[in-house]
Amino acid sequence: MGTPEFPDLGKHCSVEDCKQIDFLPFTCDRCHLVYCLDHRSYVKHQCPKADKKDVTVVICPLCAKGVRLVPDEDPNISWETHVNTECDPTNYDKVAKKKKCPVPGCREVLTFSNTIKCRDCIVDHCLKHRFGPDHKCPGPKKPESSFPFLGLLSRSRKEESKPNQAPATSSSKWATSFLNAASTVRASAEASMTKLSSELSQKWQIARDGVGLSNVGQVEECPQCGAKFSSVTTLVDHVEKVHERNNQSRVFKMSIDVCPKCSKGFRDPVALVDHVERDHGGTSKA
């Protein structure tokens, strides 16, 4: 066997009637014997342990699932185990019943190659009924409004306007209660706005009445340190002496414009102009 250089090269086939020497032998993974090319399969050399790796699957008629039969186990036991554990009869229609074209009268089975999804109704159809007029496409869905309650409220109002209205359902009752709650919130908001506007009017009238009077008792507050002063001139002197001299690294210059009519200070010149036009009739003469 072999050659002088390779004495272990090649082996004889294990089949008694063959015994052919093969330089590239095959070893069976079940019986671990050596065979030639012709007898390498389980059937050809009649392997006694071939059933250990045999895979036999039976399709269940109840759920259309595959049931694997264990080689060393009785098939009846494997079947009973499947029926008691994982058998689901509702799966049979999903597997056995094939999807067809939804057009009435069409029996075309939808497959991968003949299925077209409509862009408008997003429903699968066959090639024959792929166009909208052929399957009576209802068209694209209307986009929902940003306020989904508006449609519900409009429907409830239409139902209330009908003379012979049927007994209200739970949805109509809910819509009515929601409408009442919305009306209550709106009424409270309107009352709050009215109260606020009246208070603002009173404050504005008091401010208008105080224009032109003596400036005694008027308090000016420093925007940086919060110190209070009786006059604008004193506030300007305070800012120039304290904040501009002490904070040389971070200079904060403040310009306060004084109304020549009523001596009221303004940080913004635009606010001063609006004040003169509004309270003094558009003239800045003292």
C-alpha atoms as a PDB file:
ATOM      1  CA  MET A   1       0.000   0.000   0.000  1.00  0.00           C
ATOM      2  CA  GLY A   2       1.368   3.399  -0.911  1.00  0.00           C
ATOM      3  CA  THR A   3       4.817   4.187  -2.230  1.00  0.00           C
ATOM      4  CA  PRO A   4       8.298   4.011  -0.688  1.00  0.00           C
ATOM      5  CA  GLU A   5       8.238   7.739  -0.195  1.00  0.00           C
ATOM      6  CA  PHE A   6       4.648   7.746   1.181  1.00  0.00           C
ATOM      7  CA  PRO A   7       3.966   4.331   2.690  1.00  0.00           C
ATOM      8  CA  ASP A   8       0.681   5.427   4.327  1.00  0.00           C
ATOM      9  CA  LEU A   9      -0.777   6.937   1.162  1.00  0.00           C
ATOM     10  CA  GLY A  10      -4.216   5.536   0.228  1.00  0.00           C
ATOM     11  CA  LYS A  11      -6.605   3.141   1.959  1.00  0.00           C
ATOM     12  CA  HIS A  12      -8.841   0.273   0.903  1.00  0.00           C
ATOM     13  CA  CYS A  13     -12.640   0.629   0.828  1.00  0.00           C
ATOM     14  CA  SER A  14     -14.388  -1.022   3.780  1.00  0.00           C
ATOM     15  CA  VAL A  15     -17.021  -2.704   1.580  1.00  0.00           C
ATOM     16  CA  GLU A  16     -16.233  -6.416   1.363  1.00  0.00           C
ATOM     17  CA  ASP A  17     -17.055  -6.682  -2.330  1.00  0.00           C
ATOM     18  CA  CYS A  18     -15.025  -3.586  -3.254  1.00  0.00           C
ATOM     19  CA  LYS A  19     -11.758  -3.270  -1.310  1.00  0.00           C
ATOM     20  CA  GLN A  20     -10.607  -0.726  -3.864  1.00  0.00           C
ATOM     21  CA  ILE A  21      -7.620   1.357  -2.875  1.00  0.00           C
ATOM     22  CA  ASP A  22      -8.376   5.080  -2.888  1.00  0.00           C
ATOM     23  CA  PHE A  23      -5.694   7.701  -2.433  1.00  0.00           C
ATOM     24  CA  LEU A  24      -8.329  10.218  -1.318  1.00  0.00           C
ATOM     25  CA  PRO A  25     -10.628   8.067   0.830  1.00  0.00           C
ATOM     26  CA  PHE A  26     -13.804   9.196   2.562  1.00  0.00           C
ATOM     27  CA  THR A  27     -14.511   8.582   6.238  1.00  0.00           C
ATOM     28  CA  CYS A  28     -18.158   8.121   7.229  1.00  0.00           C
ATOM     29  CA  ASP A  29     -19.169  10.502  10.028  1.00  0.00           C
ATOM     30  CA  ARG A  30     -21.550   7.918  11.508  1.00  0.00           C
ATOM     31  CA  CYS A  31     -19.768   4.546  11.418  1.00  0.00           C
ATOM     32  CA  HIS A  32     -16.253   6.086  11.067  1.00  0.00           C
ATOM     33  CA  LEU A  33     -15.145   3.593   8.382  1.00  0.00           C
ATOM     34  CA  VAL A  34     -13.227   4.365   5.217  1.00  0.00           C
ATOM     35  CA  TYR A  35     -14.898   4.149   1.790  1.00  0.00           C
ATOM     36  CA  CYS A  36     -14.080   4.917  -1.764  1.00  0.00           C
ATOM     37  CA  LEU A  37     -15.754   7.455  -3.985  1.00  0.00           C
ATOM     38  CA  ASP A  38     -18.484   5.067  -5.102  1.00  0.00           C
ATOM     39  CA  HIS A  39     -19.472   3.931  -1.587  1.00  0.00           C
ATOM     40  CA  ARG A  40     -19.130   7.169   0.355  1.00  0.00           C
ATOM     41  CA  SER A  41     -22.906   7.772   0.841  1.00  0.00           C
ATOM     42  CA  TYR A  42     -25.004   6.154   3.577  1.00  0.00           C
ATOM     43  CA  VAL A  43     -27.130   4.243   1.092  1.00  0.00           C
ATOM     44  CA  LYS A  44     -24.243   2.871  -0.936  1.00  0.00           C
ATOM     45  CA  HIS A  45     -22.427   1.266   1.987  1.00  0.00           C
ATOM     46  CA  GLN A  46     -25.665   0.626   3.951  1.00  0.00           C
ATOM     47  CA  CYS A  47     -24.515   2.459   7.027  1.00  0.00           C
ATOM     48  CA  PRO A  48     -26.130   0.944  10.146  1.00  0.00           C
ATOM     49  CA  LYS A  49     -26.018   4.291  11.992  1.00  0.00           C
ATOM     50  CA  ALA A  50     -27.329   6.483   9.228  1.00  0.00           C
ATOM     51  CA  ASP A  51     -30.683   7.034  10.951  1.00  0.00           C
ATOM     52  CA  LYS A  52     -28.929   8.934  13.761  1.00  0.00           C
ATOM     53  CA  LYS A  53     -28.549  11.888  11.425  1.00  0.00           C
ATOM     54  CA  ASP A  54     -31.670  11.358   9.390  1.00  0.00           C
ATOM     55  CA  VAL A  55     -34.046  14.335   9.161  1.00  0.00           C
ATOM     56  CA  THR A  56     -37.648  13.428   8.386  1.00  0.00           C
ATOM     57  CA  VAL A  57     -40.302  16.129   8.500  1.00  0.00           C
ATOM     58  CA  VAL A  58     -44.044  15.561   8.363  1.00  0.00           C
ATOM     59  CA  ILE A  59     -46.449  18.417   7.532  1.00  0.00           C
ATOM     60  CA  CYS A  60     -49.167  18.758  10.139  1.00  0.00           C
ATOM     61  CA  PRO A  61     -52.641  18.826   8.509  1.00  0.00           C
ATOM     62  CA  LEU A  62     -54.023  20.992  11.326  1.00  0.00           C
ATOM     63  CA  CYS A  63     -51.556  23.894  11.394  1.00  0.00           C
ATOM     64  CA  ALA A  64     -49.499  23.300   8.215  1.00  0.00           C
ATOM     65  CA  LYS A  65     -46.260  23.315  10.209  1.00  0.00           C
ATOM     66  CA  GLY A  66     -43.387  20.860   9.798  1.00  0.00           C
ATOM     67  CA  VAL A  67     -42.968  18.222  12.502  1.00  0.00           C
ATOM     68  CA  ARG A  68     -39.497  16.681  12.738  1.00  0.00           C
ATOM     69  CA  LEU A  69     -39.456  12.980  13.613  1.00  0.00           C
ATOM     70  CA  VAL A  70     -36.747  12.016  16.094  1.00  0.00           C
ATOM     71  CA  PRO A  71     -34.802   8.954  14.790  1.00  0.00           C
ATOM     72  CA  ASP A  72     -34.805   6.954  18.046  1.00  0.00           C
ATOM     73  CA  GLU A  73     -38.338   7.931  19.003  1.00  0.00           C
ATOM     74  CA  ASP A  74     -41.716   6.570  18.019  1.00  0.00           C
ATOM     75  CA  PRO A  75     -43.351   8.820  15.368  1.00  0.00           C
ATOM     76  CA  ASN A  76     -46.605   8.731  17.320  1.00  0.00           C
ATOM     77  CA  ILE A  77     -44.887  10.212  20.356  1.00  0.00           C
ATOM     78  CA  SER A  78     -43.365  13.001  18.250  1.00  0.00           C
ATOM     79  CA  TRP A  79     -46.789  13.712  16.785  1.00  0.00           C
ATOM     80  CA  GLU A  80     -48.495  13.823  20.182  1.00  0.00           C
ATOM     81  CA  THR A  81     -45.824  16.197  21.492  1.00  0.00           C
ATOM     82  CA  HIS A  82     -46.397  18.573  18.598  1.00  0.00           C
ATOM     83  CA  VAL A  83     -50.200  18.533  18.979  1.00  0.00           C
ATOM     84  CA  ASN A  84     -50.031  19.205  22.714  1.00  0.00           C
ATOM     85  CA  THR A  85     -47.399  21.964  22.631  1.00  0.00           C
ATOM     86  CA  GLU A  86     -47.037  24.006  19.432  1.00  0.00           C
ATOM     87  CA  CYS A  87     -49.923  23.061  17.144  1.00  0.00           C
ATOM     88  CA  ASP A  88     -51.998  26.171  16.208  1.00  0.00           C
ATOM     89  CA  PRO A  89     -54.917  25.518  13.818  1.00  0.00           C
ATOM     90  CA  THR A  90     -55.310  29.254  13.129  1.00  0.00           C
ATOM     91  CA  ASN A  91     -52.003  29.181  11.268  1.00  0.00           C
ATOM     92  CA  TYR A  92     -53.430  26.887   8.588  1.00  0.00           C
ATOM     93  CA  ASP A  93     -55.313  29.661   6.782  1.00  0.00           C
ATOM     94  CA  LYS A  94     -52.239  31.879   6.767  1.00  0.00           C
ATOM     95  CA  VAL A  95     -50.173  29.188   5.068  1.00  0.00           C
ATOM     96  CA  ALA A  96     -52.680  27.391   2.902  1.00  0.00           C
ATOM     97  CA  LYS A  97     -54.873  30.306   1.875  1.00  0.00           C
ATOM     98  CA  LYS A  98     -53.081  32.319  -0.770  1.00  0.00           C
ATOM     99  CA  LYS A  99     -53.586  36.030  -1.170  1.00  0.00           C
ATOM    100  CA  LYS A 100     -55.666  37.019  -4.180  1.00  0.00           C
ATOM    101  CA  CYS A 101     -56.506  40.249  -5.964  1.00  0.00           C
ATOM    102  CA  PRO A 102     -59.197  42.141  -3.982  1.00  0.00           C
ATOM    103  CA  VAL A 103     -61.119  43.201  -7.106  1.00  0.00           C
ATOM    104  CA  PRO A 104     -64.532  41.445  -7.185  1.00  0.00           C
ATOM    105  CA  GLY A 105     -64.537  38.603  -9.696  1.00  0.00           C
ATOM    106  CA  CYS A 106     -60.734  38.439 -10.012  1.00  0.00           C
ATOM    107  CA  ARG A 107     -59.171  35.132  -8.931  1.00  0.00           C
ATOM    108  CA  GLU A 108     -55.568  36.035  -9.690  1.00  0.00           C
ATOM    109  CA  VAL A 109     -53.224  34.801  -6.973  1.00  0.00           C
ATOM    110  CA  LEU A 110     -50.828  37.531  -5.883  1.00  0.00           C
ATOM    111  CA  THR A 111     -47.193  36.493  -6.046  1.00  0.00           C
ATOM    112  CA  PHE A 112     -43.919  38.357  -5.878  1.00  0.00           C
ATOM    113  CA  SER A 113     -43.777  38.983  -9.615  1.00  0.00           C
ATOM    114  CA  ASN A 114     -47.386  40.021 -10.333  1.00  0.00           C
ATOM    115  CA  THR A 115     -48.183  42.208  -7.305  1.00  0.00           C
ATOM    116  CA  ILE A 116     -48.519  45.978  -7.683  1.00  0.00           C
ATOM    117  CA  LYS A 117     -49.305  48.278  -4.747  1.00  0.00           C
ATOM    118  CA  CYS A 118     -51.508  51.240  -5.581  1.00  0.00           C
ATOM    119  CA  ARG A 119     -49.938  54.557  -4.580  1.00  0.00           C
ATOM    120  CA  ASP A 120     -53.271  56.117  -3.618  1.00  0.00           C
ATOM    121  CA  CYS A 121     -55.132  53.437  -1.655  1.00  0.00           C
ATOM    122  CA  ILE A 122     -51.973  51.437  -0.756  1.00  0.00           C
ATOM    123  CA  VAL A 123     -53.605  48.071  -1.562  1.00  0.00           C
ATOM    124  CA  ASP A 124     -51.985  45.207  -3.480  1.00  0.00           C
ATOM    125  CA  HIS A 125     -53.552  44.332  -6.851  1.00  0.00           C
ATOM    126  CA  CYS A 126     -52.671  42.124  -9.788  1.00  0.00           C
ATOM    127  CA  LEU A 127     -51.149  43.478 -12.990  1.00  0.00           C
ATOM    128  CA  LYS A 128     -54.538  43.543 -14.718  1.00  0.00           C
ATOM    129  CA  HIS A 129     -56.075  45.840 -12.116  1.00  0.00           C
ATOM    130  CA  ARG A 130     -53.011  47.905 -11.226  1.00  0.00           C
ATOM    131  CA  PHE A 131     -54.500  51.205 -12.459  1.00  0.00           C
ATOM    132  CA  GLY A 132     -56.927  53.219 -10.352  1.00  0.00           C
ATOM    133  CA  PRO A 133     -59.979  53.075 -12.686  1.00  0.00           C
ATOM    134  CA  ASP A 134     -59.597  49.301 -13.003  1.00  0.00           C
ATOM    135  CA  HIS A 135     -59.986  48.622  -9.253  1.00  0.00           C
ATOM    136  CA  LYS A 136     -62.206  51.654  -8.523  1.00  0.00           C
ATOM    137  CA  CYS A 137     -59.583  53.376  -6.407  1.00  0.00           C
ATOM    138  CA  PRO A 138     -61.154  55.762  -3.856  1.00  0.00           C
ATOM    139  CA  GLY A 139     -58.132  58.042  -4.074  1.00  0.00           C
ATOM    140  CA  PRO A 140     -55.596  59.114  -1.458  1.00  0.00           C
ATOM    141  CA  LYS A 141     -56.705  59.597   2.109  1.00  0.00           C
ATOM    142  CA  LYS A 142     -57.369  63.159   3.164  1.00  0.00           C
ATOM    143  CA  PRO A 143     -54.779  64.460   5.640  1.00  0.00           C
ATOM    144  CA  GLU A 144     -56.085  64.926   9.134  1.00  0.00           C
ATOM    145  CA  SER A 145     -56.381  68.464  10.408  1.00  0.00           C
ATOM    146  CA  SER A 146     -54.025  69.764  13.062  1.00  0.00           C
ATOM    147  CA  PHE A 147     -56.935  69.918  15.527  1.00  0.00           C
ATOM    148  CA  PRO A 148     -58.714  66.545  15.461  1.00  0.00           C
ATOM    149  CA  PHE A 149     -61.452  67.838  17.790  1.00  0.00           C
ATOM    150  CA  LEU A 150     -62.771  70.275  15.175  1.00  0.00           C
ATOM    151  CA  GLY A 151     -64.298  67.541  13.069  1.00  0.00           C
ATOM    152  CA  LEU A 152     -65.895  65.973  16.114  1.00  0.00           C
ATOM    153  CA  LEU A 153     -67.332  69.296  17.249  1.00  0.00           C
ATOM    154  CA  SER A 154     -68.698  70.073  13.782  1.00  0.00           C
ATOM    155  CA  ARG A 155     -70.400  66.682  13.624  1.00  0.00           C
ATOM    156  CA  SER A 156     -71.932  67.194  17.061  1.00  0.00           C
ATOM    157  CA  ARG A 157     -73.280  70.594  16.005  1.00  0.00           C
ATOM    158  CA  LYS A 158     -74.824  69.106  12.869  1.00  0.00           C
ATOM    159  CA  GLU A 159     -76.488  66.407  14.946  1.00  0.00           C
ATOM    160  CA  GLU A 160     -77.907  69.019  17.324  1.00  0.00           C
ATOM    161  CA  SER A 161     -79.356  71.020  14.402  1.00  0.00           C
ATOM    162  CA  LYS A 162     -81.375  68.052  13.133  1.00  0.00           C
ATOM    163  CA  PRO A 163     -85.117  68.207  14.135  1.00  0.00           C
ATOM    164  CA  ASN A 164     -85.629  64.492  14.658  1.00  0.00           C
ATOM    165  CA  GLN A 165     -82.473  63.493  16.354  1.00  0.00           C
ATOM    166  CA  ALA A 166     -81.986  59.939  17.500  1.00  0.00           C
ATOM    167  CA  PRO A 167     -80.912  59.205  21.077  1.00  0.00           C
ATOM    168  CA  ALA A 168     -77.376  60.458  21.614  1.00  0.00           C
ATOM    169  CA  THR A 169     -74.651  57.877  21.648  1.00  0.00           C
ATOM    170  CA  SER A 170     -71.666  57.855  23.930  1.00  0.00           C
ATOM    171  CA  SER A 171     -69.508  59.695  21.362  1.00  0.00           C
ATOM    172  CA  SER A 172     -72.072  62.491  20.904  1.00  0.00           C
ATOM    173  CA  LYS A 173     -72.411  62.870  24.681  1.00  0.00           C
ATOM    174  CA  TRP A 174     -68.674  63.140  24.998  1.00  0.00           C
ATOM    175  CA  ALA A 175     -68.560  65.739  22.229  1.00  0.00           C
ATOM    176  CA  THR A 176     -71.291  67.774  23.946  1.00  0.00           C
ATOM    177  CA  SER A 177     -69.459  67.706  27.267  1.00  0.00           C
ATOM    178  CA  PHE A 178     -66.225  68.711  25.582  1.00  0.00           C
ATOM    179  CA  LEU A 179     -67.993  71.597  23.841  1.00  0.00           C
ATOM    180  CA  ASN A 180     -69.416  72.800  27.164  1.00  0.00           C
ATOM    181  CA  ALA A 181     -65.992  72.630  28.775  1.00  0.00           C
ATOM    182  CA  ALA A 182     -64.454  74.579  25.908  1.00  0.00           C
ATOM    183  CA  SER A 183     -67.157  77.250  26.201  1.00  0.00           C
ATOM    184  CA  THR A 184     -66.501  77.552  29.950  1.00  0.00           C
ATOM    185  CA  VAL A 185     -62.767  77.953  29.429  1.00  0.00           C
ATOM    186  CA  ARG A 186     -63.340  80.565  26.747  1.00  0.00           C
ATOM    187  CA  ALA A 187     -65.729  82.545  28.966  1.00  0.00           C
ATOM    188  CA  SER A 188     -63.271  82.522  31.867  1.00  0.00           C
ATOM    189  CA  ALA A 189     -60.461  83.648  29.563  1.00  0.00           C
ATOM    190  CA  GLU A 190     -62.568  86.516  28.217  1.00  0.00           C
ATOM    191  CA  ALA A 191     -63.452  87.612  31.762  1.00  0.00           C
ATOM    192  CA  SER A 192     -59.792  87.571  32.775  1.00  0.00           C
ATOM    193  CA  MET A 193     -58.818  89.645  29.738  1.00  0.00           C
ATOM    194  CA  THR A 194     -61.562  92.166  30.484  1.00  0.00           C
ATOM    195  CA  LYS A 195     -60.404  92.505  34.092  1.00  0.00           C
ATOM    196  CA  LEU A 196     -56.783  92.909  33.011  1.00  0.00           C
ATOM    197  CA  SER A 197     -57.656  95.559  30.424  1.00  0.00           C
ATOM    198  CA  SER A 198     -59.678  97.526  32.999  1.00  0.00           C
ATOM    199  CA  GLU A 199     -56.783  97.457  35.474  1.00  0.00           C
ATOM    200  CA  LEU A 200     -54.365  98.608  32.795  1.00  0.00           C
ATOM    201  CA  SER A 201     -56.713 101.428  31.853  1.00  0.00           C
ATOM    202  CA  GLN A 202     -56.875 102.570  35.475  1.00  0.00           C
ATOM    203  CA  LYS A 203     -53.097 102.503  35.851  1.00  0.00           C
ATOM    204  CA  TRP A 204     -52.686 104.353  32.577  1.00  0.00           C
ATOM    205  CA  GLN A 205     -55.192 107.007  33.645  1.00  0.00           C
ATOM    206  CA  ILE A 206     -53.382 107.493  36.956  1.00  0.00           C
ATOM    207  CA  ALA A 207     -50.086 107.884  35.107  1.00  0.00           C
ATOM    208  CA  ARG A 208     -51.603 110.429  32.728  1.00  0.00           C
ATOM    209  CA  ASP A 209     -53.112 112.398  35.589  1.00  0.00           C
ATOM    210  CA  GLY A 210     -49.754 112.554  37.367  1.00  0.00           C
ATOM    211  CA  VAL A 211     -47.972 114.124  34.366  1.00  0.00           C
ATOM    212  CA  GLY A 212     -47.173 117.802  34.882  1.00  0.00           C
ATOM    213  CA  LEU A 213     -47.403 117.650  38.684  1.00  0.00           C
ATOM    214  CA  SER A 214     -44.481 118.330  40.904  1.00  0.00           C
ATOM    215  CA  ASN A 215     -41.794 115.754  40.857  1.00  0.00           C
ATOM    216  CA  VAL A 216     -41.730 115.550  44.665  1.00  0.00           C
ATOM    217  CA  GLY A 217     -41.729 111.995  45.983  1.00  0.00           C
ATOM    218  CA  GLN A 218     -40.685 110.421  42.684  1.00  0.00           C
ATOM    219  CA  VAL A 219     -38.165 107.598  43.231  1.00  0.00           C
ATOM    220  CA  GLU A 220     -35.502 106.657  40.681  1.00  0.00           C
ATOM    221  CA  GLU A 221     -33.727 103.305  41.030  1.00  0.00           C
ATOM    222  CA  CYS A 222     -30.183 102.505  39.932  1.00  0.00           C
ATOM    223  CA  PRO A 223     -30.245  99.588  37.418  1.00  0.00           C
ATOM    224  CA  GLN A 224     -26.908  98.191  38.698  1.00  0.00           C
ATOM    225  CA  CYS A 225     -26.986  98.342  42.476  1.00  0.00           C
ATOM    226  CA  GLY A 226     -30.681  99.011  43.126  1.00  0.00           C
ATOM    227  CA  ALA A 227     -30.091 102.221  45.094  1.00  0.00           C
ATOM    228  CA  LYS A 228     -33.030 104.641  45.086  1.00  0.00           C
ATOM    229  CA  PHE A 229     -32.794 108.404  44.525  1.00  0.00           C
ATOM    230  CA  SER A 230     -35.291 111.243  44.658  1.00  0.00           C
ATOM    231  CA  SER A 231     -34.281 112.836  41.347  1.00  0.00           C
ATOM    232  CA  VAL A 232     -32.781 111.901  38.007  1.00  0.00           C
ATOM    233  CA  THR A 233     -29.836 114.251  38.477  1.00  0.00           C
ATOM    234  CA  THR A 234     -28.850 112.488  41.678  1.00  0.00           C
ATOM    235  CA  LEU A 235     -29.098 109.099  39.930  1.00  0.00           C
ATOM    236  CA  VAL A 236     -26.832 110.299  37.084  1.00  0.00           C
ATOM    237  CA  ASP A 237     -24.242 111.613  39.549  1.00  0.00           C
ATOM    238  CA  HIS A 238     -24.349 108.287  41.405  1.00  0.00           C
ATOM    239  CA  VAL A 239     -23.734 106.271  38.242  1.00  0.00           C
ATOM    240  CA  GLU A 240     -20.845 108.511  37.125  1.00  0.00           C
ATOM    241  CA  LYS A 241     -19.143 108.535  40.502  1.00  0.00           C
ATOM    242  CA  VAL A 242     -19.652 104.958  41.716  1.00  0.00           C
ATOM    243  CA  HIS A 243     -20.054 102.582  38.787  1.00  0.00           C
ATOM    244  CA  GLU A 244     -17.957 104.278  36.096  1.00  0.00           C
ATOM    245  CA  ARG A 245     -14.962 105.004  38.340  1.00  0.00           C
ATOM    246  CA  ASN A 246     -14.903 101.760  40.363  1.00  0.00           C
ATOM    247  CA  ASN A 247     -15.361  99.457  37.341  1.00  0.00           C
ATOM    248  CA  GLN A 248     -12.683 100.744  34.985  1.00  0.00           C
ATOM    249  CA  SER A 249     -12.046  97.273  33.583  1.00  0.00           C
ATOM    250  CA  ARG A 250     -15.698  96.921  32.620  1.00  0.00           C
ATOM    251  CA  VAL A 251     -17.083 100.365  31.879  1.00  0.00           C
ATOM    252  CA  PHE A 252     -20.861 100.576  31.805  1.00  0.00           C
ATOM    253  CA  LYS A 253     -21.905 103.996  30.538  1.00  0.00           C
ATOM    254  CA  MET A 254     -25.540 104.839  30.908  1.00  0.00           C
ATOM    255  CA  SER A 255     -27.223 107.742  29.195  1.00  0.00           C
ATOM    256  CA  ILE A 256     -30.549 108.853  30.636  1.00  0.00           C
ATOM    257  CA  ASP A 257     -32.632 111.292  28.631  1.00  0.00           C
ATOM    258  CA  VAL A 258     -34.805 113.651  30.668  1.00  0.00           C
ATOM    259  CA  CYS A 259     -38.105 114.977  29.406  1.00  0.00           C
ATOM    260  CA  PRO A 260     -37.871 118.790  29.359  1.00  0.00           C
ATOM    261  CA  LYS A 261     -41.563 119.021  30.066  1.00  0.00           C
ATOM    262  CA  CYS A 262     -42.042 116.861  33.147  1.00  0.00           C
ATOM    263  CA  SER A 263     -38.393 115.930  34.059  1.00  0.00           C
ATOM    264  CA  LYS A 264     -39.117 112.219  33.698  1.00  0.00           C
ATOM    265  CA  GLY A 265     -36.081 110.062  32.862  1.00  0.00           C
ATOM    266  CA  PHE A 266     -35.883 107.571  29.975  1.00  0.00           C
ATOM    267  CA  ARG A 267     -33.097 105.141  29.113  1.00  0.00           C
ATOM    268  CA  ASP A 268     -34.259 104.722  25.509  1.00  0.00           C
ATOM    269  CA  PRO A 269     -34.497 107.879  23.314  1.00  0.00           C
ATOM    270  CA  VAL A 270     -37.317 106.237  21.346  1.00  0.00           C
ATOM    271  CA  ALA A 271     -39.318 105.879  24.543  1.00  0.00           C
ATOM    272  CA  LEU A 272     -38.730 109.567  25.271  1.00  0.00           C
ATOM    273  CA  VAL A 273     -40.037 110.563  21.825  1.00  0.00           C
ATOM    274  CA  ASP A 274     -43.115 108.363  22.262  1.00  0.00           C
ATOM    275  CA  HIS A 275     -43.702 109.917  25.693  1.00  0.00           C
ATOM    276  CA  VAL A 276     -43.488 113.474  24.328  1.00  0.00           C
ATOM    277  CA  GLU A 277     -45.812 112.742  21.405  1.00  0.00           C
ATOM    278  CA  ARG A 278     -48.303 110.860  23.556  1.00  0.00           C
ATOM    279  CA  ASP A 279     -48.417 112.934  26.761  1.00  0.00           C
ATOM    280  CA  HIS A 280     -47.357 116.420  25.665  1.00  0.00           C
ATOM    281  CA  GLY A 281     -49.027 116.685  22.297  1.00  0.00           C
ATOM    282  CA  GLY A 282     -45.863 116.281  20.240  1.00  0.00           C
ATOM    283  CA  THR A 283     -43.962 119.316  21.546  1.00  0.00           C
ATOM    284  CA  SER A 284     -40.803 119.268  23.679  1.00  0.00           C
ATOM    285  CA  LYS A 285     -40.782 122.891  24.709  1.00  0.00           C
ATOM    286  CA  ALA A 286     -40.676 123.421  28.442  1.00  0.00           C
END
